[in-house]
């Protein structure tokens, strides 16, 4: 478990909601909140033009933006914003503070460790379960909630890494750890450059399609011999005709059967001779083993 300061969270250890990065715990709670709101007829989205996690530069941008609007209090001092720890989101869909709709959203949010904390910003919701200790929050690069990227969860990303390994890339000591860290980004950029893709170091749908196409082709499986019905003395029909034709074609030295589709004494004699020469049980019955040797 590693600790990260405000605005310094590695994106590869976060998760996403609507394409926006945030602390894995917030994203899990936010998804549950949105699902329950939807069940109650409330449609929640990330506010237009907003993000969830903000690095230091993002916090400076919004502080300057609101200051120009004459509302400097609408943005925290850079380095202190809850967005800088990835534990807050600005959402749309809950209406204005104090309305019945907003109160309903507050009730649902409380079930998922979320809280609207700023009366002047009815859209600002925070995860109160994420502790900030000494100005830092914890992220676990080895947990199931970390790793992956905005397109693939950690379990899926292990398979992605396996695809790169299969075409010759060295994944390093971490191996298939499910994390799109610096080494994986370098590998992805190299692969993208070689396959005419935008070089951004992120394994998305187009890169996935190219990686699948680049996988070594497995050899075609050897066709299994026919598992048709067992043939024996007294059998009749097309299968017996094929048997007689095969014996005549492949073993003309001792097989000169009349091709009539009737497994009679002559066919029985030739089948037994074939079985003897092939090292099979000599019983005159054309089952799976004899069929396999004959290739029918």
C-alpha atoms as a PDB file:
ATOM      1  CA  UNK A   1       0.000   0.000   0.000  1.00  0.00           C
ATOM      2  CA  UNK A   2       1.570   3.288  -1.095  1.00  0.00           C
ATOM      3  CA  UNK A   3       0.650   6.857  -0.108  1.00  0.00           C
ATOM      4  CA  UNK A   4       0.320   9.690  -2.605  1.00  0.00           C
ATOM      5  CA  UNK A   5       0.073  13.416  -2.094  1.00  0.00           C
ATOM      6  CA  UNK A   6      -2.590  15.726  -3.431  1.00  0.00           C
ATOM      7  CA  UNK A   7      -2.485  15.884  -7.233  1.00  0.00           C
ATOM      8  CA  UNK A   8       0.145  13.140  -7.419  1.00  0.00           C
ATOM      9  CA  UNK A   9      -1.959   9.979  -7.796  1.00  0.00           C
ATOM     10  CA  UNK A  10      -0.737   7.595 -10.552  1.00  0.00           C
ATOM     11  CA  UNK A  11      -3.532   7.105 -13.063  1.00  0.00           C
ATOM     12  CA  UNK A  12      -2.572   3.472 -13.616  1.00  0.00           C
ATOM     13  CA  UNK A  13      -3.642   2.722 -10.026  1.00  0.00           C
ATOM     14  CA  UNK A  14      -6.994   4.489 -10.311  1.00  0.00           C
ATOM     15  CA  UNK A  15     -10.283   3.433 -11.888  1.00  0.00           C
ATOM     16  CA  UNK A  16     -12.646   5.392 -14.136  1.00  0.00           C
ATOM     17  CA  UNK A  17     -16.254   6.502 -14.170  1.00  0.00           C
ATOM     18  CA  UNK A  18     -17.566   7.783 -17.515  1.00  0.00           C
ATOM     19  CA  UNK A  19     -13.947   7.934 -18.677  1.00  0.00           C
ATOM     20  CA  UNK A  20     -12.875  10.092 -15.706  1.00  0.00           C
ATOM     21  CA  UNK A  21     -10.171   8.884 -13.332  1.00  0.00           C
ATOM     22  CA  UNK A  22     -10.746   8.668  -9.604  1.00  0.00           C
ATOM     23  CA  UNK A  23      -9.657   6.821  -6.472  1.00  0.00           C
ATOM     24  CA  UNK A  24     -10.768   3.146  -6.838  1.00  0.00           C
ATOM     25  CA  UNK A  25     -12.890   3.356  -3.684  1.00  0.00           C
ATOM     26  CA  UNK A  26     -14.714   6.452  -4.918  1.00  0.00           C
ATOM     27  CA  UNK A  27     -15.372   4.868  -8.303  1.00  0.00           C
ATOM     28  CA  UNK A  28     -16.812   1.729  -6.706  1.00  0.00           C
ATOM     29  CA  UNK A  29     -19.089   3.790  -4.451  1.00  0.00           C
ATOM     30  CA  UNK A  30     -20.011   6.160  -7.266  1.00  0.00           C
ATOM     31  CA  UNK A  31     -21.063   3.278  -9.506  1.00  0.00           C
ATOM     32  CA  UNK A  32     -23.272   1.847  -6.769  1.00  0.00           C
ATOM     33  CA  UNK A  33     -24.771   5.297  -6.098  1.00  0.00           C
ATOM     34  CA  UNK A  34     -25.515   5.892  -9.778  1.00  0.00           C
ATOM     35  CA  UNK A  35     -27.112   2.458 -10.128  1.00  0.00           C
ATOM     36  CA  UNK A  36     -29.452   3.059  -7.168  1.00  0.00           C
ATOM     37  CA  UNK A  37     -30.284   6.538  -8.418  1.00  0.00           C
ATOM     38  CA  UNK A  38     -31.163   5.082 -11.811  1.00  0.00           C
ATOM     39  CA  UNK A  39     -33.446   2.545 -10.129  1.00  0.00           C
ATOM     40  CA  UNK A  40     -35.210   5.540  -8.579  1.00  0.00           C
ATOM     41  CA  UNK A  41     -35.571   7.359 -11.878  1.00  0.00           C
ATOM     42  CA  UNK A  42     -32.623   9.721 -11.330  1.00  0.00           C
ATOM     43  CA  UNK A  43     -30.036   9.962 -14.116  1.00  0.00           C
ATOM     44  CA  UNK A  44     -26.577  10.869 -12.817  1.00  0.00           C
ATOM     45  CA  UNK A  45     -23.677  11.969 -15.012  1.00  0.00           C
ATOM     46  CA  UNK A  46     -20.365  13.736 -14.500  1.00  0.00           C
ATOM     47  CA  UNK A  47     -21.028  17.439 -14.911  1.00  0.00           C
ATOM     48  CA  UNK A  48     -20.223  18.712 -18.404  1.00  0.00           C
ATOM     49  CA  UNK A  49     -16.592  19.754 -18.748  1.00  0.00           C
ATOM     50  CA  UNK A  50     -15.696  18.424 -15.314  1.00  0.00           C
ATOM     51  CA  UNK A  51     -13.301  15.734 -14.166  1.00  0.00           C
ATOM     52  CA  UNK A  52     -13.002  13.681 -10.982  1.00  0.00           C
ATOM     53  CA  UNK A  53      -9.301  13.495 -10.184  1.00  0.00           C
ATOM     54  CA  UNK A  54      -7.355  16.731 -10.652  1.00  0.00           C
ATOM     55  CA  UNK A  55      -3.620  17.034 -10.688  1.00  0.00           C
ATOM     56  CA  UNK A  56      -2.045  20.246  -9.406  1.00  0.00           C
ATOM     57  CA  UNK A  57      -2.277  21.974 -12.797  1.00  0.00           C
ATOM     58  CA  UNK A  58      -5.975  21.141 -12.998  1.00  0.00           C
ATOM     59  CA  UNK A  59      -6.575  22.619  -9.580  1.00  0.00           C
ATOM     60  CA  UNK A  60      -4.763  25.809 -10.581  1.00  0.00           C
ATOM     61  CA  UNK A  61      -6.934  26.022 -13.698  1.00  0.00           C
ATOM     62  CA  UNK A  62     -10.219  25.790 -11.785  1.00  0.00           C
ATOM     63  CA  UNK A  63      -9.064  28.174  -9.055  1.00  0.00           C
ATOM     64  CA  UNK A  64      -8.231  30.768 -11.708  1.00  0.00           C
ATOM     65  CA  UNK A  65     -11.492  30.055 -13.559  1.00  0.00           C
ATOM     66  CA  UNK A  66     -13.724  30.665 -10.537  1.00  0.00           C
ATOM     67  CA  UNK A  67     -11.655  33.655  -9.449  1.00  0.00           C
ATOM     68  CA  UNK A  68     -12.327  35.251 -12.842  1.00  0.00           C
ATOM     69  CA  UNK A  69     -16.035  34.544 -12.296  1.00  0.00           C
ATOM     70  CA  UNK A  70     -15.853  36.428  -8.992  1.00  0.00           C
ATOM     71  CA  UNK A  71     -16.409  33.196  -7.028  1.00  0.00           C
ATOM     72  CA  UNK A  72     -12.966  32.142  -5.781  1.00  0.00           C
ATOM     73  CA  UNK A  73     -14.595  30.113  -2.993  1.00  0.00           C
ATOM     74  CA  UNK A  74     -15.926  27.649  -5.562  1.00  0.00           C
ATOM     75  CA  UNK A  75     -12.446  26.111  -5.913  1.00  0.00           C
ATOM     76  CA  UNK A  76     -10.082  24.984  -3.198  1.00  0.00           C
ATOM     77  CA  UNK A  77      -6.559  26.292  -2.868  1.00  0.00           C
ATOM     78  CA  UNK A  78      -4.413  24.171  -5.207  1.00  0.00           C
ATOM     79  CA  UNK A  79      -2.922  21.270  -3.295  1.00  0.00           C
ATOM     80  CA  UNK A  80      -5.880  20.989  -0.904  1.00  0.00           C
ATOM     81  CA  UNK A  81      -8.769  20.006  -3.195  1.00  0.00           C
ATOM     82  CA  UNK A  82     -10.533  16.714  -2.541  1.00  0.00           C
ATOM     83  CA  UNK A  83     -10.334  16.216  -6.305  1.00  0.00           C
ATOM     84  CA  UNK A  84      -6.545  16.111  -5.877  1.00  0.00           C
ATOM     85  CA  UNK A  85      -6.941  12.922  -3.852  1.00  0.00           C
ATOM     86  CA  UNK A  86      -9.395  11.513  -6.381  1.00  0.00           C
ATOM     87  CA  UNK A  87     -12.103  11.325  -3.727  1.00  0.00           C
ATOM     88  CA  UNK A  88     -14.600  13.885  -5.075  1.00  0.00           C
ATOM     89  CA  UNK A  89     -16.708  14.269  -8.200  1.00  0.00           C
ATOM     90  CA  UNK A  90     -18.850  17.016  -9.680  1.00  0.00           C
ATOM     91  CA  UNK A  91     -22.065  15.444 -10.930  1.00  0.00           C
ATOM     92  CA  UNK A  92     -25.258  16.457 -12.686  1.00  0.00           C
ATOM     93  CA  UNK A  93     -28.735  15.133 -12.121  1.00  0.00           C
ATOM     94  CA  UNK A  94     -29.457  15.837  -8.466  1.00  0.00           C
ATOM     95  CA  UNK A  95     -30.851  19.332  -8.856  1.00  0.00           C
ATOM     96  CA  UNK A  96     -30.299  22.232  -6.478  1.00  0.00           C
ATOM     97  CA  UNK A  97     -29.432  22.061  -2.810  1.00  0.00           C
ATOM     98  CA  UNK A  98     -32.493  21.836  -0.553  1.00  0.00           C
ATOM     99  CA  UNK A  99     -34.884  20.520  -3.209  1.00  0.00           C
ATOM    100  CA  UNK A 100     -36.720  17.238  -2.798  1.00  0.00           C
ATOM    101  CA  UNK A 101     -34.639  15.747  -5.593  1.00  0.00           C
ATOM    102  CA  UNK A 102     -31.382  16.734  -3.934  1.00  0.00           C
ATOM    103  CA  UNK A 103     -32.524  15.390  -0.571  1.00  0.00           C
ATOM    104  CA  UNK A 104     -33.338  12.067  -2.226  1.00  0.00           C
ATOM    105  CA  UNK A 105     -29.851  11.994  -3.754  1.00  0.00           C
ATOM    106  CA  UNK A 106     -28.355  12.744  -0.342  1.00  0.00           C
ATOM    107  CA  UNK A 107     -30.211   9.799   1.175  1.00  0.00           C
ATOM    108  CA  UNK A 108     -28.974   7.426  -1.506  1.00  0.00           C
ATOM    109  CA  UNK A 109     -25.430   8.810  -1.357  1.00  0.00           C
ATOM    110  CA  UNK A 110     -25.213   8.199   2.383  1.00  0.00           C
ATOM    111  CA  UNK A 111     -25.734   4.465   1.778  1.00  0.00           C
ATOM    112  CA  UNK A 112     -22.574   4.415  -0.315  1.00  0.00           C
ATOM    113  CA  UNK A 113     -20.207   6.486   1.861  1.00  0.00           C
ATOM    114  CA  UNK A 114     -20.809   9.575  -0.293  1.00  0.00           C
ATOM    115  CA  UNK A 115     -21.786  13.047   0.899  1.00  0.00           C
ATOM    116  CA  UNK A 116     -22.605  16.434  -0.618  1.00  0.00           C
ATOM    117  CA  UNK A 117     -20.296  18.644   1.445  1.00  0.00           C
ATOM    118  CA  UNK A 118     -20.560  22.169  -0.017  1.00  0.00           C
ATOM    119  CA  UNK A 119     -23.925  23.918   0.200  1.00  0.00           C
ATOM    120  CA  UNK A 120     -22.962  26.400  -2.509  1.00  0.00           C
ATOM    121  CA  UNK A 121     -22.048  23.522  -4.859  1.00  0.00           C
ATOM    122  CA  UNK A 122     -25.013  21.161  -5.022  1.00  0.00           C
ATOM    123  CA  UNK A 123     -23.115  19.111  -7.599  1.00  0.00           C
ATOM    124  CA  UNK A 124     -20.022  18.378  -5.468  1.00  0.00           C
ATOM    125  CA  UNK A 125     -20.007  14.902  -3.893  1.00  0.00           C
ATOM    126  CA  UNK A 126     -17.221  13.356  -1.814  1.00  0.00           C
ATOM    127  CA  UNK A 127     -16.304   9.888  -0.574  1.00  0.00           C
ATOM    128  CA  UNK A 128     -16.015  10.236   3.195  1.00  0.00           C
ATOM    129  CA  UNK A 129     -14.630   6.704   3.611  1.00  0.00           C
ATOM    130  CA  UNK A 130     -11.251   7.551   2.045  1.00  0.00           C
ATOM    131  CA  UNK A 131      -8.886   8.771   4.773  1.00  0.00           C
ATOM    132  CA  UNK A 132      -6.371  11.535   4.148  1.00  0.00           C
ATOM    133  CA  UNK A 133      -3.416  11.101   6.489  1.00  0.00           C
ATOM    134  CA  UNK A 134      -0.582  13.595   6.461  1.00  0.00           C
ATOM    135  CA  UNK A 135      -1.888  15.074   3.235  1.00  0.00           C
ATOM    136  CA  UNK A 136      -1.799  11.696   1.481  1.00  0.00           C
ATOM    137  CA  UNK A 137      -4.210   8.941   0.465  1.00  0.00           C
ATOM    138  CA  UNK A 138      -3.384   5.291   0.010  1.00  0.00           C
ATOM    139  CA  UNK A 139      -3.541   3.372  -3.257  1.00  0.00           C
ATOM    140  CA  UNK A 140      -2.845  -0.328  -3.507  1.00  0.00           C
ATOM    141  CA  UNK A 141      -1.175  -1.216  -6.801  1.00  0.00           C
ATOM    142  CA  UNK A 142      -1.664  -4.891  -5.988  1.00  0.00           C
ATOM    143  CA  UNK A 143      -5.366  -4.837  -5.154  1.00  0.00           C
ATOM    144  CA  UNK A 144      -8.132  -5.990  -7.452  1.00  0.00           C
ATOM    145  CA  UNK A 145      -9.434  -2.447  -7.534  1.00  0.00           C
ATOM    146  CA  UNK A 146      -6.171  -1.070  -8.890  1.00  0.00           C
ATOM    147  CA  UNK A 147      -4.440  -1.786 -12.161  1.00  0.00           C
ATOM    148  CA  UNK A 148      -5.853  -2.109 -15.643  1.00  0.00           C
ATOM    149  CA  UNK A 149      -6.900   1.058 -17.405  1.00  0.00           C
ATOM    150  CA  UNK A 150     -10.083   2.820 -18.420  1.00  0.00           C
ATOM    151  CA  UNK A 151     -10.857   0.130 -21.004  1.00  0.00           C
ATOM    152  CA  UNK A 152      -9.891  -3.066 -19.174  1.00  0.00           C
ATOM    153  CA  UNK A 153     -10.114  -4.079 -15.519  1.00  0.00           C
ATOM    154  CA  UNK A 154      -7.126  -5.682 -13.859  1.00  0.00           C
ATOM    155  CA  UNK A 155      -8.141  -9.288 -14.572  1.00  0.00           C
ATOM    156  CA  UNK A 156      -8.741  -8.476 -18.249  1.00  0.00           C
ATOM    157  CA  UNK A 157      -5.476  -6.543 -18.434  1.00  0.00           C
ATOM    158  CA  UNK A 158      -3.496  -9.611 -17.407  1.00  0.00           C
ATOM    159  CA  UNK A 159      -4.746 -11.230 -20.616  1.00  0.00           C
ATOM    160  CA  UNK A 160      -3.734  -8.107 -22.541  1.00  0.00           C
ATOM    161  CA  UNK A 161      -0.219  -8.412 -21.142  1.00  0.00           C
ATOM    162  CA  UNK A 162      -0.182 -12.081 -22.090  1.00  0.00           C
ATOM    163  CA  UNK A 163      -0.894 -11.018 -25.668  1.00  0.00           C
ATOM    164  CA  UNK A 164       2.161  -8.760 -25.721  1.00  0.00           C
ATOM    165  CA  UNK A 165       4.283 -11.495 -24.177  1.00  0.00           C
ATOM    166  CA  UNK A 166       3.090 -13.944 -26.854  1.00  0.00           C
ATOM    167  CA  UNK A 167       4.495 -11.734 -29.611  1.00  0.00           C
ATOM    168  CA  UNK A 168       7.874 -11.363 -27.968  1.00  0.00           C
ATOM    169  CA  UNK A 169       7.720  -8.400 -25.591  1.00  0.00           C
ATOM    170  CA  UNK A 170       9.603  -8.660 -22.288  1.00  0.00           C
ATOM    171  CA  UNK A 171       7.209  -7.673 -19.508  1.00  0.00           C
ATOM    172  CA  UNK A 172       9.958  -7.457 -16.917  1.00  0.00           C
ATOM    173  CA  UNK A 173       9.929  -8.559 -13.305  1.00  0.00           C
ATOM    174  CA  UNK A 174       6.281  -7.655 -12.756  1.00  0.00           C
ATOM    175  CA  UNK A 175       5.121 -10.002 -15.492  1.00  0.00           C
ATOM    176  CA  UNK A 176       1.363 -10.239 -15.993  1.00  0.00           C
ATOM    177  CA  UNK A 177       0.403  -8.105 -13.005  1.00  0.00           C
ATOM    178  CA  UNK A 178      -2.604  -6.393 -14.602  1.00  0.00           C
ATOM    179  CA  UNK A 179      -1.087  -2.916 -14.243  1.00  0.00           C
ATOM    180  CA  UNK A 180      -0.552  -0.439 -17.076  1.00  0.00           C
ATOM    181  CA  UNK A 181       2.569   1.015 -15.529  1.00  0.00           C
ATOM    182  CA  UNK A 182       5.547   2.754 -17.155  1.00  0.00           C
ATOM    183  CA  UNK A 183       7.038  -0.424 -18.652  1.00  0.00           C
ATOM    184  CA  UNK A 184       3.720  -1.458 -20.203  1.00  0.00           C
ATOM    185  CA  UNK A 185       3.178   2.029 -21.591  1.00  0.00           C
ATOM    186  CA  UNK A 186       6.588   1.872 -23.276  1.00  0.00           C
ATOM    187  CA  UNK A 187       5.724  -1.533 -24.744  1.00  0.00           C
ATOM    188  CA  UNK A 188       2.356  -0.270 -25.958  1.00  0.00           C
ATOM    189  CA  UNK A 189       3.886   2.823 -27.548  1.00  0.00           C
ATOM    190  CA  UNK A 190       6.396   0.639 -29.385  1.00  0.00           C
ATOM    191  CA  UNK A 191       3.634  -1.687 -30.618  1.00  0.00           C
ATOM    192  CA  UNK A 192       1.425   1.230 -31.678  1.00  0.00           C
ATOM    193  CA  UNK A 193       4.250   2.855 -33.622  1.00  0.00           C
ATOM    194  CA  UNK A 194       4.962  -0.387 -35.463  1.00  0.00           C
ATOM    195  CA  UNK A 195       1.305  -0.908 -36.386  1.00  0.00           C
ATOM    196  CA  UNK A 196       0.387   2.574 -37.563  1.00  0.00           C
ATOM    197  CA  UNK A 197      -1.704   3.430 -34.516  1.00  0.00           C
ATOM    198  CA  UNK A 198      -1.856   6.706 -32.556  1.00  0.00           C
ATOM    199  CA  UNK A 199       1.037   6.473 -30.102  1.00  0.00           C
ATOM    200  CA  UNK A 200      -0.446   7.269 -26.693  1.00  0.00           C
ATOM    201  CA  UNK A 201       0.732   4.315 -24.589  1.00  0.00           C
ATOM    202  CA  UNK A 202      -2.853   3.360 -23.698  1.00  0.00           C
ATOM    203  CA  UNK A 203      -4.184  -0.046 -24.672  1.00  0.00           C
ATOM    204  CA  UNK A 204      -7.634   0.765 -26.043  1.00  0.00           C
ATOM    205  CA  UNK A 205     -10.027  -0.955 -28.490  1.00  0.00           C
ATOM    206  CA  UNK A 206      -8.024  -0.222 -31.671  1.00  0.00           C
ATOM    207  CA  UNK A 207      -4.776  -1.351 -30.093  1.00  0.00           C
ATOM    208  CA  UNK A 208      -6.526  -4.460 -28.785  1.00  0.00           C
ATOM    209  CA  UNK A 209      -7.751  -5.329 -32.289  1.00  0.00           C
ATOM    210  CA  UNK A 210      -4.225  -4.946 -33.676  1.00  0.00           C
ATOM    211  CA  UNK A 211      -2.766  -7.048 -30.864  1.00  0.00           C
ATOM    212  CA  UNK A 212      -5.273  -9.844 -31.477  1.00  0.00           C
ATOM    213  CA  UNK A 213      -4.438  -9.793 -35.200  1.00  0.00           C
ATOM    214  CA  UNK A 214      -0.711  -9.990 -34.369  1.00  0.00           C
ATOM    215  CA  UNK A 215      -1.004 -13.134 -32.252  1.00  0.00           C
ATOM    216  CA  UNK A 216       0.822 -16.254 -33.518  1.00  0.00           C
ATOM    217  CA  UNK A 217      -1.551 -18.401 -35.517  1.00  0.00           C
ATOM    218  CA  UNK A 218      -2.190 -21.821 -34.010  1.00  0.00           C
ATOM    219  CA  UNK A 219      -1.672 -24.783 -36.352  1.00  0.00           C
ATOM    220  CA  UNK A 220      -4.837 -26.200 -37.811  1.00  0.00           C
ATOM    221  CA  UNK A 221      -6.047 -29.168 -35.768  1.00  0.00           C
ATOM    222  CA  UNK A 222      -5.646 -32.612 -37.302  1.00  0.00           C
ATOM    223  CA  UNK A 223      -9.113 -33.811 -38.327  1.00  0.00           C
ATOM    224  CA  UNK A 224     -10.338 -36.576 -36.099  1.00  0.00           C
ATOM    225  CA  UNK A 225     -11.306 -39.777 -37.835  1.00  0.00           C
ATOM    226  CA  UNK A 226     -14.967 -40.307 -38.448  1.00  0.00           C
ATOM    227  CA  UNK A 227     -16.799 -41.725 -35.470  1.00  0.00           C
ATOM    228  CA  UNK A 228     -19.525 -43.330 -37.606  1.00  0.00           C
ATOM    229  CA  UNK A 229     -21.515 -46.405 -36.643  1.00  0.00           C
ATOM    230  CA  UNK A 230     -19.766 -49.689 -35.947  1.00  0.00           C
ATOM    231  CA  UNK A 231     -19.776 -51.955 -39.000  1.00  0.00           C
ATOM    232  CA  UNK A 232     -19.726 -55.724 -38.874  1.00  0.00           C
ATOM    233  CA  UNK A 233     -20.896 -58.820 -40.720  1.00  0.00           C
ATOM    234  CA  UNK A 234     -24.492 -58.283 -41.745  1.00  0.00           C
ATOM    235  CA  UNK A 235     -24.250 -54.463 -41.973  1.00  0.00           C
ATOM    236  CA  UNK A 236     -25.549 -52.879 -45.157  1.00  0.00           C
ATOM    237  CA  UNK A 237     -25.608 -49.423 -46.725  1.00  0.00           C
ATOM    238  CA  UNK A 238     -23.465 -46.520 -47.865  1.00  0.00           C
ATOM    239  CA  UNK A 239     -21.015 -46.826 -44.957  1.00  0.00           C
ATOM    240  CA  UNK A 240     -20.242 -50.408 -45.987  1.00  0.00           C
ATOM    241  CA  UNK A 241     -19.827 -49.277 -49.611  1.00  0.00           C
ATOM    242  CA  UNK A 242     -17.263 -46.656 -48.471  1.00  0.00           C
ATOM    243  CA  UNK A 243     -15.461 -49.317 -46.404  1.00  0.00           C
ATOM    244  CA  UNK A 244     -15.225 -51.670 -49.390  1.00  0.00           C
ATOM    245  CA  UNK A 245     -14.009 -48.876 -51.681  1.00  0.00           C
ATOM    246  CA  UNK A 246     -11.365 -47.846 -49.151  1.00  0.00           C
ATOM    247  CA  UNK A 247     -10.070 -51.387 -48.700  1.00  0.00           C
ATOM    248  CA  UNK A 248      -9.862 -51.918 -52.447  1.00  0.00           C
ATOM    249  CA  UNK A 249      -8.124 -48.577 -53.062  1.00  0.00           C
ATOM    250  CA  UNK A 250      -5.602 -48.705 -50.228  1.00  0.00           C
ATOM    251  CA  UNK A 251      -4.849 -52.444 -50.083  1.00  0.00           C
ATOM    252  CA  UNK A 252      -5.239 -53.810 -53.635  1.00  0.00           C
ATOM    253  CA  UNK A 253      -2.700 -56.573 -53.013  1.00  0.00           C
ATOM    254  CA  UNK A 254      -5.138 -58.527 -50.911  1.00  0.00           C
ATOM    255  CA  UNK A 255      -8.439 -56.723 -51.228  1.00  0.00           C
ATOM    256  CA  UNK A 256     -10.558 -57.296 -54.347  1.00  0.00           C
ATOM    257  CA  UNK A 257     -13.978 -56.860 -52.873  1.00  0.00           C
ATOM    258  CA  UNK A 258     -17.210 -56.492 -54.761  1.00  0.00           C
ATOM    259  CA  UNK A 259     -18.483 -53.022 -53.888  1.00  0.00           C
ATOM    260  CA  UNK A 260     -22.127 -53.746 -53.134  1.00  0.00           C
ATOM    261  CA  UNK A 261     -22.757 -52.231 -49.706  1.00  0.00           C
ATOM    262  CA  UNK A 262     -23.230 -55.662 -48.160  1.00  0.00           C
ATOM    263  CA  UNK A 263     -20.900 -56.627 -45.283  1.00  0.00           C
ATOM    264  CA  UNK A 264     -20.785 -60.314 -46.102  1.00  0.00           C
ATOM    265  CA  UNK A 265     -18.272 -63.113 -45.658  1.00  0.00           C
ATOM    266  CA  UNK A 266     -15.868 -61.671 -48.220  1.00  0.00           C
ATOM    267  CA  UNK A 267     -15.751 -58.252 -46.599  1.00  0.00           C
ATOM    268  CA  UNK A 268     -15.446 -59.837 -43.177  1.00  0.00           C
ATOM    269  CA  UNK A 269     -12.415 -61.851 -44.348  1.00  0.00           C
ATOM    270  CA  UNK A 270     -10.656 -58.785 -45.760  1.00  0.00           C
ATOM    271  CA  UNK A 271     -11.385 -56.676 -42.654  1.00  0.00           C
ATOM    272  CA  UNK A 272      -9.868 -59.381 -40.445  1.00  0.00           C
ATOM    273  CA  UNK A 273      -6.782 -59.575 -42.630  1.00  0.00           C
ATOM    274  CA  UNK A 274      -6.435 -55.783 -42.456  1.00  0.00           C
ATOM    275  CA  UNK A 275      -6.741 -55.847 -38.672  1.00  0.00           C
ATOM    276  CA  UNK A 276      -4.077 -58.552 -38.418  1.00  0.00           C
ATOM    277  CA  UNK A 277      -1.627 -56.602 -40.571  1.00  0.00           C
ATOM    278  CA  UNK A 278      -2.385 -53.332 -38.694  1.00  0.00           C
ATOM    279  CA  UNK A 279      -1.792 -54.900 -35.293  1.00  0.00           C
ATOM    280  CA  UNK A 280      -5.410 -54.493 -34.249  1.00  0.00           C
ATOM    281  CA  UNK A 281      -7.729 -56.886 -32.488  1.00  0.00           C
ATOM    282  CA  UNK A 282      -8.842 -59.347 -35.158  1.00  0.00           C
ATOM    283  CA  UNK A 283     -12.614 -59.506 -34.732  1.00  0.00           C
ATOM    284  CA  UNK A 284     -14.025 -58.377 -38.070  1.00  0.00           C
ATOM    285  CA  UNK A 285     -15.695 -55.401 -36.397  1.00  0.00           C
ATOM    286  CA  UNK A 286     -14.999 -51.965 -37.871  1.00  0.00           C
ATOM    287  CA  UNK A 287     -15.108 -49.728 -34.814  1.00  0.00           C
ATOM    288  CA  UNK A 288     -13.229 -46.572 -33.845  1.00  0.00           C
ATOM    289  CA  UNK A 289      -9.779 -48.174 -33.885  1.00  0.00           C
ATOM    290  CA  UNK A 290     -10.157 -49.821 -37.279  1.00  0.00           C
ATOM    291  CA  UNK A 291     -11.761 -46.685 -38.722  1.00  0.00           C
ATOM    292  CA  UNK A 292      -8.840 -44.602 -37.494  1.00  0.00           C
ATOM    293  CA  UNK A 293      -6.320 -46.912 -39.173  1.00  0.00           C
ATOM    294  CA  UNK A 294      -8.345 -46.867 -42.400  1.00  0.00           C
ATOM    295  CA  UNK A 295      -8.862 -43.090 -42.236  1.00  0.00           C
ATOM    296  CA  UNK A 296     -12.645 -43.260 -42.594  1.00  0.00           C
END
